[in-house]
Amino acid sequence: MELFYWYNILIILGMFLSIPYFFVGDIENRRKHLVIFLILLFISLVEILGKYKQLLGQNNTLIYNVG
């Protein structure tokens, strides 16, 4: 459970809970939702990869600086 600590769990949970709203909203809100959803997806991937590199004992500053 070290890899998926509370911050990652909350980001992923927020993404999954917002998926039904994507199908309910109008076109303008769908575009905004898609942008926010993709940003959250990118953030969660950067965080998970950074934590994984940290657990391996490798330097993860490049991942966080690029992300």
Protein backbone atom coordinates (compact mmCIF):
# COMPACT_ATOMS: atom_id res chain seq x y z
CA MET A 1 0.00 0.00 0.00
CA GLU A 2 3.05 2.27 0.10
CA LEU A 3 2.91 2.94 -3.63
CA PHE A 4 -0.67 4.20 -3.54
CA TYR A 5 -0.69 6.49 -0.56
CA TRP A 6 -3.61 8.69 0.42
CA TYR A 7 -2.85 11.52 -2.04
CA ASN A 8 -2.93 9.20 -5.06
CA ILE A 9 -6.01 7.42 -3.79
CA LEU A 10 -7.92 10.70 -3.44
CA ILE A 11 -6.95 11.88 -6.94
CA ILE A 12 -7.97 8.58 -8.53
CA LEU A 13 -11.18 8.43 -6.48
CA GLY A 14 -12.08 11.96 -7.59
CA MET A 15 -11.52 11.03 -11.22
CA PHE A 16 -13.71 7.95 -11.00
CA LEU A 17 -16.49 9.74 -9.12
CA SER A 18 -16.58 12.51 -11.73
CA ILE A 19 -17.05 10.18 -14.71
CA PRO A 20 -20.89 10.03 -14.47
CA TYR A 21 -21.06 13.85 -14.51
CA PHE A 22 -19.34 13.84 -17.90
CA PHE A 23 -22.36 12.13 -19.46
CA VAL A 24 -24.93 14.34 -17.70
CA GLY A 25 -23.51 17.80 -18.46
CA ASP A 26 -23.92 19.84 -21.62
CA ILE A 27 -21.30 20.23 -24.37
CA GLU A 28 -19.53 23.22 -22.80
CA ASN A 29 -19.20 21.48 -19.45
CA ARG A 30 -18.02 18.26 -21.12
CA ARG A 31 -15.04 20.06 -22.63
CA LYS A 32 -14.09 21.59 -19.28
CA HIS A 33 -14.56 18.25 -17.55
CA LEU A 34 -12.38 16.48 -20.12
CA VAL A 35 -9.55 18.99 -19.65
CA ILE A 36 -9.68 18.69 -15.85
CA PHE A 37 -9.94 14.90 -16.09
CA LEU A 38 -6.85 14.69 -18.32
CA ILE A 39 -4.90 16.99 -15.98
CA LEU A 40 -5.81 14.80 -12.99
CA LEU A 41 -4.84 11.69 -14.94
CA PHE A 42 -1.45 13.20 -15.81
CA ILE A 43 -0.88 14.29 -12.20
CA SER A 44 -1.72 10.86 -10.85
CA LEU A 45 0.64 9.17 -13.34
CA VAL A 46 3.49 11.54 -12.41
CA GLU A 47 2.88 10.98 -8.68
CA ILE A 48 2.73 7.19 -9.00
CA LEU A 49 5.86 7.06 -11.17
CA GLY A 50 7.70 9.40 -8.81
CA LYS A 51 6.77 7.34 -5.76
CA TYR A 52 7.78 4.14 -7.56
CA LYS A 53 11.21 5.57 -8.40
CA GLN A 54 11.60 6.69 -4.78
CA LEU A 55 10.81 3.21 -3.49
CA LEU A 56 13.47 1.81 -5.82
CA GLY A 57 15.97 4.27 -4.36
CA GLN A 58 16.41 6.16 -7.61
CA ASN A 59 16.41 9.92 -8.14
CA ASN A 60 12.90 11.12 -8.99
CA THR A 61 13.46 14.88 -9.25
CA LEU A 62 13.45 14.82 -13.06
CA ILE A 63 9.99 13.24 -13.11
CA TYR A 64 8.55 15.86 -10.78
CA ASN A 65 10.24 18.75 -12.58
CA VAL A 66 8.97 17.65 -15.98
CA GLY A 67 5.52 16.90 -14.57
